[in-house]
Amino acid sequence: MAIATETLRIGVLGVGRIGRMHAELLERQVPGAAVSVVYDAYEPVAREVAARLGVLAAETAEELIAAPEVDAVAICTPTGFHVDQIIAAAQAGKAVFCEKPVSLDLATLDRALTVVASTGVPFQIGFNRRFDPAHAAVAAAVADGTVGEPHIARITSRDPDPPPLEYARSSGGLFLDMTIHDFDMARYVVGSEIEEVYARAAVRVDPAIAGVGDVDTAVITLVHENGCLTTIDNSRRARYGYDQRVEVFGSEGMAASGNPLGHTATVSTATGTSSATLPYFFLERYIPSYLREWQAFVHAVSTGVPPAVGPRDARAPLVAGLAAWMSVREGRPVKTAEVTA
């Protein structure tokens, strides 16, 4: 299903931190796209963003979805609203972009994906790291056979600081709000679905996190359908900055992506060599990938090509995240088939 329009007019639901970033990129830096309407449950924020971009502010989410000047809906609201908004947008014939995760519950997610499938609207899930040029180069080196058969993959994902406790209470916890990106990245760079998850987790950063039923430190081992083994390590606090690294070792070689530094200068003296620190905030690292993500969405919607990161990619990482929580609770490896049974 292609939406034939010279400029894809996008309504942005939720213009908090991530939604505001998306709206500003779409309005100013993505050819072929423009923001037409915004909505936020906190009306002053919606009015402020709308005035800055020179667009309309809807009074309700339903009004934005139904607006004739909206061809596609970007869902950047809290996770609990995603499913109903996806269904409403799909039934209105609007293309859908949704931030991750779609839902914390598999049956609820499947309800939304069933409507997406029945209406045939384009759907893309917001796993922006797939569009990072360095990570994409690793995936390409595996896909084209450069590194041979993948044997081992390693993913490091460490945030500079933990999120507020209020966020942790409703986010689904580390495996569903943070590691979910890494589960998708594992599938992407290895080129194979996850068959088994074994997770060990602890509270090593902030004891208060245990009080909301979450963890802040984890090591996860994955077994892929093609036999590749992946390890993921997560921490909510890396004092040195935002740490994101991916490596795939194969029968013919290795491909890896590292962290960009704040700048490229180094200082060398008799006491050693120093360089700039890592970016401290995820937006500093991933703005180029967000732009590429939107460019891919606009191209898919305008040409009728299925988005590269679609319904299957919304579901599989959630399954892996739920399997990780089950693994921690039960102290054993968990087959992803157990979650979907």
C-alpha atoms as a PDB file:
ATOM      1  CA  MET A   1       0.000   0.000   0.000  1.00  0.00           C
ATOM      2  CA  ALA A   2       1.572   3.255  -1.145  1.00  0.00           C
ATOM      3  CA  ILE A   3       0.424   6.706  -0.101  1.00  0.00           C
ATOM      4  CA  ALA A   4       0.831   8.850  -3.203  1.00  0.00           C
ATOM      5  CA  THR A   5       1.689  12.355  -2.078  1.00  0.00           C
ATOM      6  CA  GLU A   6       4.501  14.710  -2.929  1.00  0.00           C
ATOM      7  CA  THR A   7       5.095  15.429   0.752  1.00  0.00           C
ATOM      8  CA  LEU A   8       4.195  12.866   3.411  1.00  0.00           C
ATOM      9  CA  ARG A   9       2.241  14.772   6.047  1.00  0.00           C
ATOM     10  CA  ILE A  10       2.916  13.287   9.472  1.00  0.00           C
ATOM     11  CA  GLY A  11       0.977  13.786  12.674  1.00  0.00           C
ATOM     12  CA  VAL A  12       3.071  13.303  15.813  1.00  0.00           C
ATOM     13  CA  LEU A  13       1.292  11.826  18.836  1.00  0.00           C
ATOM     14  CA  GLY A  14       3.265  12.731  21.962  1.00  0.00           C
ATOM     15  CA  VAL A  15       5.812  15.531  21.829  1.00  0.00           C
ATOM     16  CA  GLY A  16       7.785  14.916  24.961  1.00  0.00           C
ATOM     17  CA  ARG A  17      11.542  14.374  24.644  1.00  0.00           C
ATOM     18  CA  ILE A  18      11.517  11.711  21.930  1.00  0.00           C
ATOM     19  CA  GLY A  19       8.426  12.986  20.098  1.00  0.00           C
ATOM     20  CA  ARG A  20       9.740  16.530  19.990  1.00  0.00           C
ATOM     21  CA  MET A  21      13.014  15.263  18.542  1.00  0.00           C
ATOM     22  CA  HIS A  22      11.147  13.316  15.849  1.00  0.00           C
ATOM     23  CA  ALA A  23       8.938  16.301  15.015  1.00  0.00           C
ATOM     24  CA  GLU A  24      11.889  18.657  14.628  1.00  0.00           C
ATOM     25  CA  LEU A  25      13.815  16.217  12.419  1.00  0.00           C
ATOM     26  CA  LEU A  26      10.783  15.570  10.226  1.00  0.00           C
ATOM     27  CA  GLU A  27       9.970  19.227   9.789  1.00  0.00           C
ATOM     28  CA  ARG A  28      13.507  20.384   9.052  1.00  0.00           C
ATOM     29  CA  GLN A  29      15.764  17.575   7.873  1.00  0.00           C
ATOM     30  CA  VAL A  30      13.814  14.776   6.162  1.00  0.00           C
ATOM     31  CA  PRO A  31      13.153  15.396   2.436  1.00  0.00           C
ATOM     32  CA  GLY A  32       9.658  14.477   1.359  1.00  0.00           C
ATOM     33  CA  ALA A  33       8.207  14.715   4.870  1.00  0.00           C
ATOM     34  CA  ALA A  34       6.580  17.428   6.934  1.00  0.00           C
ATOM     35  CA  VAL A  35       4.810  17.624  10.268  1.00  0.00           C
ATOM     36  CA  SER A  36       1.189  18.723   9.862  1.00  0.00           C
ATOM     37  CA  VAL A  37      -0.334  18.209  13.330  1.00  0.00           C
ATOM     38  CA  VAL A  38       0.985  17.465  16.829  1.00  0.00           C
ATOM     39  CA  TYR A  39      -0.728  16.284  19.994  1.00  0.00           C
ATOM     40  CA  ASP A  40       0.354  15.837  23.595  1.00  0.00           C
ATOM     41  CA  ALA A  41      -1.673  15.034  26.687  1.00  0.00           C
ATOM     42  CA  TYR A  42       0.010  18.035  28.312  1.00  0.00           C
ATOM     43  CA  GLU A  43      -1.539  20.797  26.253  1.00  0.00           C
ATOM     44  CA  PRO A  44       1.077  23.533  26.916  1.00  0.00           C
ATOM     45  CA  VAL A  45       3.798  21.313  25.441  1.00  0.00           C
ATOM     46  CA  ALA A  46       1.711  20.606  22.352  1.00  0.00           C
ATOM     47  CA  ARG A  47       1.008  24.309  21.847  1.00  0.00           C
ATOM     48  CA  GLU A  48       4.671  25.237  22.305  1.00  0.00           C
ATOM     49  CA  VAL A  49       5.918  22.642  19.794  1.00  0.00           C
ATOM     50  CA  ALA A  50       3.162  23.500  17.326  1.00  0.00           C
ATOM     51  CA  ALA A  51       4.004  27.215  17.508  1.00  0.00           C
ATOM     52  CA  ARG A  52       7.716  26.554  17.037  1.00  0.00           C
ATOM     53  CA  LEU A  53       7.110  24.384  13.966  1.00  0.00           C
ATOM     54  CA  GLY A  54       4.225  26.444  12.610  1.00  0.00           C
ATOM     55  CA  VAL A  55       1.775  23.507  12.580  1.00  0.00           C
ATOM     56  CA  LEU A  56      -1.604  22.640  14.080  1.00  0.00           C
ATOM     57  CA  ALA A  57      -2.077  21.343  17.622  1.00  0.00           C
ATOM     58  CA  ALA A  58      -4.866  18.781  17.983  1.00  0.00           C
ATOM     59  CA  GLU A  59      -6.983  18.719  21.117  1.00  0.00           C
ATOM     60  CA  THR A  60      -7.167  14.917  21.207  1.00  0.00           C
ATOM     61  CA  ALA A  61      -5.274  11.969  19.763  1.00  0.00           C
ATOM     62  CA  GLU A  62      -8.440  10.963  17.917  1.00  0.00           C
ATOM     63  CA  GLU A  63      -8.620  14.375  16.258  1.00  0.00           C
ATOM     64  CA  LEU A  64      -5.040  14.081  15.023  1.00  0.00           C
ATOM     65  CA  ILE A  65      -5.574  10.582  13.617  1.00  0.00           C
ATOM     66  CA  ALA A  66      -8.739  11.640  11.782  1.00  0.00           C
ATOM     67  CA  ALA A  67      -7.289  14.892  10.417  1.00  0.00           C
ATOM     68  CA  PRO A  68      -7.399  15.026   6.594  1.00  0.00           C
ATOM     69  CA  GLU A  69      -3.993  16.730   6.571  1.00  0.00           C
ATOM     70  CA  VAL A  70      -2.390  13.631   8.185  1.00  0.00           C
ATOM     71  CA  ASP A  71      -1.121  10.836   5.899  1.00  0.00           C
ATOM     72  CA  ALA A  72       0.918   9.020   8.545  1.00  0.00           C
ATOM     73  CA  VAL A  73       0.960   8.912  12.335  1.00  0.00           C
ATOM     74  CA  ALA A  74       4.117   8.876  14.463  1.00  0.00           C
ATOM     75  CA  ILE A  75       3.248   7.329  17.817  1.00  0.00           C
ATOM     76  CA  CYS A  76       5.617   8.661  20.474  1.00  0.00           C
ATOM     77  CA  THR A  77       3.286   8.443  23.465  1.00  0.00           C
ATOM     78  CA  PRO A  78       3.898   6.245  26.557  1.00  0.00           C
ATOM     79  CA  THR A  79       3.812   2.522  25.794  1.00  0.00           C
ATOM     80  CA  GLY A  80       0.402   1.947  27.358  1.00  0.00           C
ATOM     81  CA  PHE A  81      -1.252   4.057  24.638  1.00  0.00           C
ATOM     82  CA  HIS A  82       0.471   2.490  21.638  1.00  0.00           C
ATOM     83  CA  VAL A  83      -1.856  -0.382  20.808  1.00  0.00           C
ATOM     84  CA  ASP A  84      -5.104   1.591  20.744  1.00  0.00           C
ATOM     85  CA  GLN A  85      -3.458   4.376  18.742  1.00  0.00           C
ATOM     86  CA  ILE A  86      -1.999   1.927  16.216  1.00  0.00           C
ATOM     87  CA  ILE A  87      -5.405   0.334  15.757  1.00  0.00           C
ATOM     88  CA  ALA A  88      -7.130   3.694  15.334  1.00  0.00           C
ATOM     89  CA  ALA A  89      -4.544   4.926  12.841  1.00  0.00           C
ATOM     90  CA  ALA A  90      -4.608   1.691  10.838  1.00  0.00           C
ATOM     91  CA  GLN A  91      -8.408   1.685  10.685  1.00  0.00           C
ATOM     92  CA  ALA A  92      -8.246   5.292   9.444  1.00  0.00           C
ATOM     93  CA  GLY A  93      -5.943   4.163   6.614  1.00  0.00           C
ATOM     94  CA  LYS A  94      -2.923   6.057   7.948  1.00  0.00           C
ATOM     95  CA  ALA A  95       0.642   4.749   7.744  1.00  0.00           C
ATOM     96  CA  VAL A  96       2.056   4.071  11.219  1.00  0.00           C
ATOM     97  CA  PHE A  97       5.428   4.682  12.799  1.00  0.00           C
ATOM     98  CA  CYS A  98       5.570   3.563  16.449  1.00  0.00           C
ATOM     99  CA  GLU A  99       8.290   3.920  19.041  1.00  0.00           C
ATOM    100  CA  LYS A 100       9.358   0.774  20.851  1.00  0.00           C
ATOM    101  CA  PRO A 101       8.008  -1.256  22.486  1.00  0.00           C
ATOM    102  CA  VAL A 102       4.523  -1.472  21.026  1.00  0.00           C
ATOM    103  CA  SER A 103       3.297  -3.155  24.199  1.00  0.00           C
ATOM    104  CA  LEU A 104       4.569  -4.933  27.309  1.00  0.00           C
ATOM    105  CA  ASP A 105       2.090  -7.761  26.701  1.00  0.00           C
ATOM    106  CA  LEU A 106       2.324 -10.160  23.770  1.00  0.00           C
ATOM    107  CA  ALA A 107      -1.405 -10.769  23.320  1.00  0.00           C
ATOM    108  CA  THR A 108      -2.073  -7.036  23.312  1.00  0.00           C
ATOM    109  CA  LEU A 109       0.695  -6.491  20.754  1.00  0.00           C
ATOM    110  CA  ASP A 110      -0.758  -9.203  18.550  1.00  0.00           C
ATOM    111  CA  ARG A 111      -4.129  -7.450  18.635  1.00  0.00           C
ATOM    112  CA  ALA A 112      -2.548  -4.354  17.104  1.00  0.00           C
ATOM    113  CA  LEU A 113      -0.525  -6.281  14.540  1.00  0.00           C
ATOM    114  CA  THR A 114      -3.634  -8.177  13.425  1.00  0.00           C
ATOM    115  CA  VAL A 115      -5.338  -4.889  12.573  1.00  0.00           C
ATOM    116  CA  VAL A 116      -2.220  -3.621  10.790  1.00  0.00           C
ATOM    117  CA  ALA A 117      -2.167  -6.794   8.685  1.00  0.00           C
ATOM    118  CA  SER A 118      -5.886  -6.652   7.871  1.00  0.00           C
ATOM    119  CA  THR A 119      -5.804  -2.998   6.790  1.00  0.00           C
ATOM    120  CA  GLY A 120      -2.517  -3.272   4.889  1.00  0.00           C
ATOM    121  CA  VAL A 121      -1.184   0.067   6.126  1.00  0.00           C
ATOM    122  CA  PRO A 122       2.609   0.544   6.204  1.00  0.00           C
ATOM    123  CA  PHE A 123       3.963  -0.059   9.719  1.00  0.00           C
ATOM    124  CA  GLN A 124       7.449   0.626  11.070  1.00  0.00           C
ATOM    125  CA  ILE A 125       8.755   0.091  14.594  1.00  0.00           C
ATOM    126  CA  GLY A 126      11.303   2.570  15.932  1.00  0.00           C
ATOM    127  CA  PHE A 127      14.455   0.488  16.285  1.00  0.00           C
ATOM    128  CA  ASN A 128      16.681   3.335  15.148  1.00  0.00           C
ATOM    129  CA  ARG A 129      19.992   1.581  15.877  1.00  0.00           C
ATOM    130  CA  ARG A 130      19.524  -0.531  12.754  1.00  0.00           C
ATOM    131  CA  PHE A 131      20.075   2.698  10.813  1.00  0.00           C
ATOM    132  CA  ASP A 132      23.342   3.622  12.527  1.00  0.00           C
ATOM    133  CA  PRO A 133      25.955   3.443   9.734  1.00  0.00           C
ATOM    134  CA  ALA A 134      28.475   1.552  11.890  1.00  0.00           C
ATOM    135  CA  HIS A 135      26.022  -1.074  13.123  1.00  0.00           C
ATOM    136  CA  ALA A 136      24.577  -1.393   9.604  1.00  0.00           C
ATOM    137  CA  ALA A 137      28.070  -2.080   8.252  1.00  0.00           C
ATOM    138  CA  VAL A 138      28.445  -4.976  10.703  1.00  0.00           C
ATOM    139  CA  ALA A 139      25.113  -6.435   9.598  1.00  0.00           C
ATOM    140  CA  ALA A 140      26.078  -6.042   5.944  1.00  0.00           C
ATOM    141  CA  ALA A 141      29.403  -7.832   6.466  1.00  0.00           C
ATOM    142  CA  VAL A 142      27.493 -10.806   7.859  1.00  0.00           C
ATOM    143  CA  ALA A 143      24.698 -10.712   5.278  1.00  0.00           C
ATOM    144  CA  ASP A 144      27.052 -10.626   2.274  1.00  0.00           C
ATOM    145  CA  GLY A 145      29.283 -13.395   3.651  1.00  0.00           C
ATOM    146  CA  THR A 146      32.369 -11.238   4.216  1.00  0.00           C
ATOM    147  CA  VAL A 147      32.933 -12.617   7.742  1.00  0.00           C
ATOM    148  CA  GLY A 148      31.674 -16.081   6.836  1.00  0.00           C
ATOM    149  CA  GLU A 149      29.299 -18.067   8.996  1.00  0.00           C
ATOM    150  CA  PRO A 150      28.588 -16.116  12.218  1.00  0.00           C
ATOM    151  CA  HIS A 151      29.792 -17.971  15.298  1.00  0.00           C
ATOM    152  CA  ILE A 152      29.792 -15.421  18.137  1.00  0.00           C
ATOM    153  CA  ALA A 153      28.235 -11.989  18.520  1.00  0.00           C
ATOM    154  CA  ARG A 154      28.826  -9.539  21.369  1.00  0.00           C
ATOM    155  CA  ILE A 155      26.702  -6.510  22.181  1.00  0.00           C
ATOM    156  CA  THR A 156      27.530  -3.962  24.871  1.00  0.00           C
ATOM    157  CA  SER A 157      24.849  -1.471  25.825  1.00  0.00           C
ATOM    158  CA  ARG A 158      25.450   0.803  28.822  1.00  0.00           C
ATOM    159  CA  ASP A 159      23.646   4.017  29.683  1.00  0.00           C
ATOM    160  CA  PRO A 160      25.410   6.900  31.443  1.00  0.00           C
ATOM    161  CA  ASP A 161      22.757   7.105  34.171  1.00  0.00           C
ATOM    162  CA  PRO A 162      19.684   5.143  35.256  1.00  0.00           C
ATOM    163  CA  PRO A 163      16.229   6.484  34.395  1.00  0.00           C
ATOM    164  CA  PRO A 164      13.976   8.005  37.065  1.00  0.00           C
ATOM    165  CA  LEU A 165      12.375   5.423  39.355  1.00  0.00           C
ATOM    166  CA  GLU A 166       8.940   6.566  38.210  1.00  0.00           C
ATOM    167  CA  TYR A 167       9.879   5.540  34.669  1.00  0.00           C
ATOM    168  CA  ALA A 168      11.165   2.149  35.811  1.00  0.00           C
ATOM    169  CA  ARG A 169       7.855   1.438  37.550  1.00  0.00           C
ATOM    170  CA  SER A 170       5.934   1.431  34.277  1.00  0.00           C
ATOM    171  CA  SER A 171       8.532   0.738  31.562  1.00  0.00           C
ATOM    172  CA  GLY A 172       8.545  -3.040  31.792  1.00  0.00           C
ATOM    173  CA  GLY A 173      12.004  -2.979  33.317  1.00  0.00           C
ATOM    174  CA  LEU A 174      15.503  -3.257  31.906  1.00  0.00           C
ATOM    175  CA  PHE A 175      14.760  -6.065  29.447  1.00  0.00           C
ATOM    176  CA  LEU A 176      11.761  -4.322  27.866  1.00  0.00           C
ATOM    177  CA  ASP A 177      12.849  -0.690  27.888  1.00  0.00           C
ATOM    178  CA  MET A 178      16.609  -1.026  27.287  1.00  0.00           C
ATOM    179  CA  THR A 179      17.688  -4.525  26.261  1.00  0.00           C
ATOM    180  CA  ILE A 180      14.828  -4.706  23.772  1.00  0.00           C
ATOM    181  CA  HIS A 181      17.047  -2.620  21.450  1.00  0.00           C
ATOM    182  CA  ASP A 182      19.831  -5.176  21.883  1.00  0.00           C
ATOM    183  CA  PHE A 183      17.559  -8.135  21.198  1.00  0.00           C
ATOM    184  CA  ASP A 184      16.613  -6.480  17.916  1.00  0.00           C
ATOM    185  CA  MET A 185      20.235  -5.649  17.169  1.00  0.00           C
ATOM    186  CA  ALA A 186      21.230  -9.288  17.778  1.00  0.00           C
ATOM    187  CA  ARG A 187      18.620 -10.488  15.269  1.00  0.00           C
ATOM    188  CA  TYR A 188      19.709  -7.814  12.807  1.00  0.00           C
ATOM    189  CA  VAL A 189      23.475  -8.258  12.817  1.00  0.00           C
ATOM    190  CA  VAL A 190      23.451 -12.054  13.110  1.00  0.00           C
ATOM    191  CA  GLY A 191      20.679 -12.394  10.523  1.00  0.00           C
ATOM    192  CA  SER A 192      18.880 -15.084  12.476  1.00  0.00           C
ATOM    193  CA  GLU A 193      16.018 -15.269  14.957  1.00  0.00           C
ATOM    194  CA  ILE A 194      16.555 -15.891  18.671  1.00  0.00           C
ATOM    195  CA  GLU A 195      15.766 -19.419  19.783  1.00  0.00           C
ATOM    196  CA  GLU A 196      16.843 -19.385  23.440  1.00  0.00           C
ATOM    197  CA  VAL A 197      17.492 -16.745  26.121  1.00  0.00           C
ATOM    198  CA  TYR A 198      19.473 -17.172  29.351  1.00  0.00           C
ATOM    199  CA  ALA A 199      19.665 -14.062  31.512  1.00  0.00           C
ATOM    200  CA  ARG A 200      21.377 -13.268  34.785  1.00  0.00           C
ATOM    201  CA  ALA A 201      20.650  -9.923  36.397  1.00  0.00           C
ATOM    202  CA  ALA A 202      21.438  -7.944  39.532  1.00  0.00           C
ATOM    203  CA  VAL A 203      21.063  -4.563  41.193  1.00  0.00           C
ATOM    204  CA  ARG A 204      24.577  -3.079  41.223  1.00  0.00           C
ATOM    205  CA  VAL A 205      23.939   0.612  40.545  1.00  0.00           C
ATOM    206  CA  ASP A 206      21.011   1.832  42.645  1.00  0.00           C
ATOM    207  CA  PRO A 207      19.422  -0.259  45.431  1.00  0.00           C
ATOM    208  CA  ALA A 208      16.154   1.665  44.996  1.00  0.00           C
ATOM    209  CA  ILE A 209      15.687  -0.013  41.601  1.00  0.00           C
ATOM    210  CA  ALA A 210      15.040  -3.314  43.364  1.00  0.00           C
ATOM    211  CA  GLY A 211      12.148  -1.652  45.168  1.00  0.00           C
ATOM    212  CA  VAL A 212      10.245  -1.204  41.896  1.00  0.00           C
ATOM    213  CA  GLY A 213      10.931  -4.784  40.800  1.00  0.00           C
ATOM    214  CA  ASP A 214      13.645  -3.943  38.301  1.00  0.00           C
ATOM    215  CA  VAL A 215      17.353  -4.649  37.808  1.00  0.00           C
ATOM    216  CA  ASP A 216      20.155  -2.411  36.546  1.00  0.00           C
ATOM    217  CA  THR A 217      22.864  -4.856  35.482  1.00  0.00           C
ATOM    218  CA  ALA A 218      22.524  -7.913  33.258  1.00  0.00           C
ATOM    219  CA  VAL A 219      24.351 -10.432  31.123  1.00  0.00           C
ATOM    220  CA  ILE A 220      22.296 -12.349  28.583  1.00  0.00           C
ATOM    221  CA  THR A 221      23.263 -15.273  26.365  1.00  0.00           C
ATOM    222  CA  LEU A 222      21.258 -15.943  23.219  1.00  0.00           C
ATOM    223  CA  VAL A 223      21.186 -18.962  20.948  1.00  0.00           C
ATOM    224  CA  HIS A 224      20.105 -18.129  17.396  1.00  0.00           C
ATOM    225  CA  GLU A 225      18.354 -20.462  14.982  1.00  0.00           C
ATOM    226  CA  ASN A 226      21.522 -20.580  12.847  1.00  0.00           C
ATOM    227  CA  GLY A 227      23.584 -21.695  15.866  1.00  0.00           C
ATOM    228  CA  CYS A 228      25.336 -18.378  16.519  1.00  0.00           C
ATOM    229  CA  LEU A 229      25.846 -17.491  20.182  1.00  0.00           C
ATOM    230  CA  THR A 230      25.327 -13.886  21.265  1.00  0.00           C
ATOM    231  CA  THR A 231      26.213 -12.273  24.573  1.00  0.00           C
ATOM    232  CA  ILE A 232      24.668  -8.969  25.665  1.00  0.00           C
ATOM    233  CA  ASP A 233      25.874  -6.971  28.656  1.00  0.00           C
ATOM    234  CA  ASN A 234      23.828  -4.098  30.052  1.00  0.00           C
ATOM    235  CA  SER A 235      24.367  -1.519  32.762  1.00  0.00           C
ATOM    236  CA  ARG A 236      22.263   1.463  33.727  1.00  0.00           C
ATOM    237  CA  ARG A 237      25.363   3.505  34.635  1.00  0.00           C
ATOM    238  CA  ALA A 238      28.616   3.926  32.718  1.00  0.00           C
ATOM    239  CA  ARG A 239      30.524   6.837  34.240  1.00  0.00           C
ATOM    240  CA  TYR A 240      32.490   7.408  31.047  1.00  0.00           C
ATOM    241  CA  GLY A 241      29.485   8.001  28.759  1.00  0.00           C
ATOM    242  CA  TYR A 242      27.018   6.291  26.456  1.00  0.00           C
ATOM    243  CA  ASP A 243      28.612   2.970  25.487  1.00  0.00           C
ATOM    244  CA  GLN A 244      27.258   1.098  22.444  1.00  0.00           C
ATOM    245  CA  ARG A 245      29.366  -1.591  20.749  1.00  0.00           C
ATOM    246  CA  VAL A 246      28.583  -4.526  18.460  1.00  0.00           C
ATOM    247  CA  GLU A 247      30.827  -7.325  17.191  1.00  0.00           C
ATOM    248  CA  VAL A 248      30.234 -10.419  15.079  1.00  0.00           C
ATOM    249  CA  PHE A 249      32.960 -13.053  14.796  1.00  0.00           C
ATOM    250  CA  GLY A 250      32.607 -15.520  11.953  1.00  0.00           C
ATOM    251  CA  SER A 251      34.364 -18.343  10.150  1.00  0.00           C
ATOM    252  CA  GLU A 252      36.151 -15.901   7.804  1.00  0.00           C
ATOM    253  CA  GLY A 253      36.682 -12.836   9.952  1.00  0.00           C
ATOM    254  CA  MET A 254      35.160 -10.281  12.280  1.00  0.00           C
ATOM    255  CA  ALA A 255      33.113  -7.076  11.965  1.00  0.00           C
ATOM    256  CA  ALA A 256      32.710  -4.591  14.799  1.00  0.00           C
ATOM    257  CA  SER A 257      31.280  -1.147  15.494  1.00  0.00           C
ATOM    258  CA  GLY A 258      32.752   1.098  18.163  1.00  0.00           C
ATOM    259  CA  ASN A 259      31.835   4.305  19.926  1.00  0.00           C
ATOM    260  CA  PRO A 260      32.328   7.718  18.322  1.00  0.00           C
ATOM    261  CA  LEU A 261      34.250  10.185  20.473  1.00  0.00           C
ATOM    262  CA  GLY A 262      33.285  13.761  21.172  1.00  0.00           C
ATOM    263  CA  HIS A 263      36.000  14.814  18.714  1.00  0.00           C
ATOM    264  CA  THR A 264      39.011  13.249  17.017  1.00  0.00           C
ATOM    265  CA  ALA A 265      41.879  15.097  18.736  1.00  0.00           C
ATOM    266  CA  THR A 266      44.364  13.249  20.934  1.00  0.00           C
ATOM    267  CA  VAL A 267      46.923  14.702  23.329  1.00  0.00           C
ATOM    268  CA  SER A 268      50.159  12.769  23.900  1.00  0.00           C
ATOM    269  CA  THR A 269      52.804  13.499  26.541  1.00  0.00           C
ATOM    270  CA  ALA A 270      55.376  11.546  28.507  1.00  0.00           C
ATOM    271  CA  THR A 271      52.620  10.542  30.921  1.00  0.00           C
ATOM    272  CA  GLY A 272      50.363   9.054  28.258  1.00  0.00           C
ATOM    273  CA  THR A 273      47.794   9.795  25.573  1.00  0.00           C
ATOM    274  CA  SER A 274      44.321  11.177  26.134  1.00  0.00           C
ATOM    275  CA  SER A 275      41.310  11.661  23.884  1.00  0.00           C
ATOM    276  CA  ALA A 276      37.786  13.034  24.120  1.00  0.00           C
ATOM    277  CA  THR A 277      35.060  11.295  26.095  1.00  0.00           C
ATOM    278  CA  LEU A 278      32.119   9.404  24.604  1.00  0.00           C
ATOM    279  CA  PRO A 279      28.824  11.133  23.924  1.00  0.00           C
ATOM    280  CA  TYR A 280      26.846  11.278  27.167  1.00  0.00           C
ATOM    281  CA  PHE A 281      23.320  11.300  25.764  1.00  0.00           C
ATOM    282  CA  PHE A 282      21.710   8.920  23.279  1.00  0.00           C
ATOM    283  CA  LEU A 283      20.648  11.786  21.022  1.00  0.00           C
ATOM    284  CA  GLU A 284      24.290  12.858  20.664  1.00  0.00           C
ATOM    285  CA  ARG A 285      25.118   9.383  19.338  1.00  0.00           C
ATOM    286  CA  TYR A 286      22.096   8.507  17.261  1.00  0.00           C
ATOM    287  CA  ILE A 287      20.700  11.589  15.521  1.00  0.00           C
ATOM    288  CA  PRO A 288      22.090  10.345  12.151  1.00  0.00           C
ATOM    289  CA  SER A 289      20.338   7.010  12.663  1.00  0.00           C
ATOM    290  CA  TYR A 290      17.037   8.707  13.492  1.00  0.00           C
ATOM    291  CA  LEU A 291      17.316  10.661  10.239  1.00  0.00           C
ATOM    292  CA  ARG A 292      18.055   7.517   8.224  1.00  0.00           C
ATOM    293  CA  GLU A 293      15.164   5.771   9.963  1.00  0.00           C
ATOM    294  CA  TRP A 294      12.731   8.476   8.846  1.00  0.00           C
ATOM    295  CA  GLN A 295      14.150   8.555   5.335  1.00  0.00           C
ATOM    296  CA  ALA A 296      13.512   4.804   5.093  1.00  0.00           C
ATOM    297  CA  PHE A 297       9.950   5.223   6.359  1.00  0.00           C
ATOM    298  CA  VAL A 298       9.134   8.005   3.907  1.00  0.00           C
ATOM    299  CA  HIS A 299      10.594   5.987   1.017  1.00  0.00           C
ATOM    300  CA  ALA A 300       8.623   2.873   2.005  1.00  0.00           C
ATOM    301  CA  VAL A 301       5.316   4.698   2.386  1.00  0.00           C
ATOM    302  CA  SER A 302       5.688   6.660  -0.840  1.00  0.00           C
ATOM    303  CA  THR A 303       6.725   3.667  -2.967  1.00  0.00           C
ATOM    304  CA  GLY A 304       4.629   0.904  -1.415  1.00  0.00           C
ATOM    305  CA  VAL A 305       7.677  -1.118  -0.366  1.00  0.00           C
ATOM    306  CA  PRO A 306       7.169  -2.755   3.061  1.00  0.00           C
ATOM    307  CA  PRO A 307       9.136  -0.888   5.771  1.00  0.00           C
ATOM    308  CA  ALA A 308      12.431  -2.587   6.580  1.00  0.00           C
ATOM    309  CA  VAL A 309      11.623  -2.801  10.287  1.00  0.00           C
ATOM    310  CA  GLY A 310       8.071  -4.042  10.396  1.00  0.00           C
ATOM    311  CA  PRO A 311       5.561  -6.081  12.419  1.00  0.00           C
ATOM    312  CA  ARG A 312       7.817  -9.118  12.852  1.00  0.00           C
ATOM    313  CA  ASP A 313      10.490  -6.843  14.290  1.00  0.00           C
ATOM    314  CA  ALA A 314       7.988  -5.351  16.730  1.00  0.00           C
ATOM    315  CA  ARG A 315       7.139  -8.813  18.044  1.00  0.00           C
ATOM    316  CA  ALA A 316      10.385 -10.819  18.230  1.00  0.00           C
ATOM    317  CA  PRO A 317      12.311  -8.494  20.589  1.00  0.00           C
ATOM    318  CA  LEU A 318       9.334  -8.379  22.971  1.00  0.00           C
ATOM    319  CA  VAL A 319       9.274 -12.177  23.000  1.00  0.00           C
ATOM    320  CA  ALA A 320      13.003 -12.186  23.828  1.00  0.00           C
ATOM    321  CA  GLY A 321      12.493  -9.624  26.589  1.00  0.00           C
ATOM    322  CA  LEU A 322       9.687 -11.620  28.173  1.00  0.00           C
ATOM    323  CA  ALA A 323      11.859 -14.741  27.920  1.00  0.00           C
ATOM    324  CA  ALA A 324      14.683 -12.881  29.689  1.00  0.00           C
ATOM    325  CA  TRP A 325      12.436 -11.986  32.612  1.00  0.00           C
ATOM    326  CA  MET A 326      11.237 -15.586  32.784  1.00  0.00           C
ATOM    327  CA  SER A 327      14.856 -16.765  32.733  1.00  0.00           C
ATOM    328  CA  VAL A 328      15.800 -14.490  35.644  1.00  0.00           C
ATOM    329  CA  ARG A 329      12.787 -15.544  37.713  1.00  0.00           C
ATOM    330  CA  GLU A 330      13.264 -19.258  37.088  1.00  0.00           C
ATOM    331  CA  GLY A 331      17.061 -19.394  36.880  1.00  0.00           C
ATOM    332  CA  ARG A 332      17.201 -21.328  33.618  1.00  0.00           C
ATOM    333  CA  PRO A 333      17.512 -20.927  29.844  1.00  0.00           C
ATOM    334  CA  VAL A 334      14.141 -20.219  28.236  1.00  0.00           C
ATOM    335  CA  LYS A 335      13.142 -21.139  24.701  1.00  0.00           C
ATOM    336  CA  THR A 336      11.369 -18.283  22.944  1.00  0.00           C
ATOM    337  CA  ALA A 337       8.765 -20.845  21.878  1.00  0.00           C
ATOM    338  CA  GLU A 338       7.752 -21.079  25.560  1.00  0.00           C
ATOM    339  CA  VAL A 339       6.713 -17.422  25.504  1.00  0.00           C
ATOM    340  CA  THR A 340       4.674 -17.713  22.335  1.00  0.00           C
ATOM    341  CA  ALA A 341       3.008 -21.016  23.219  1.00  0.00           C
END
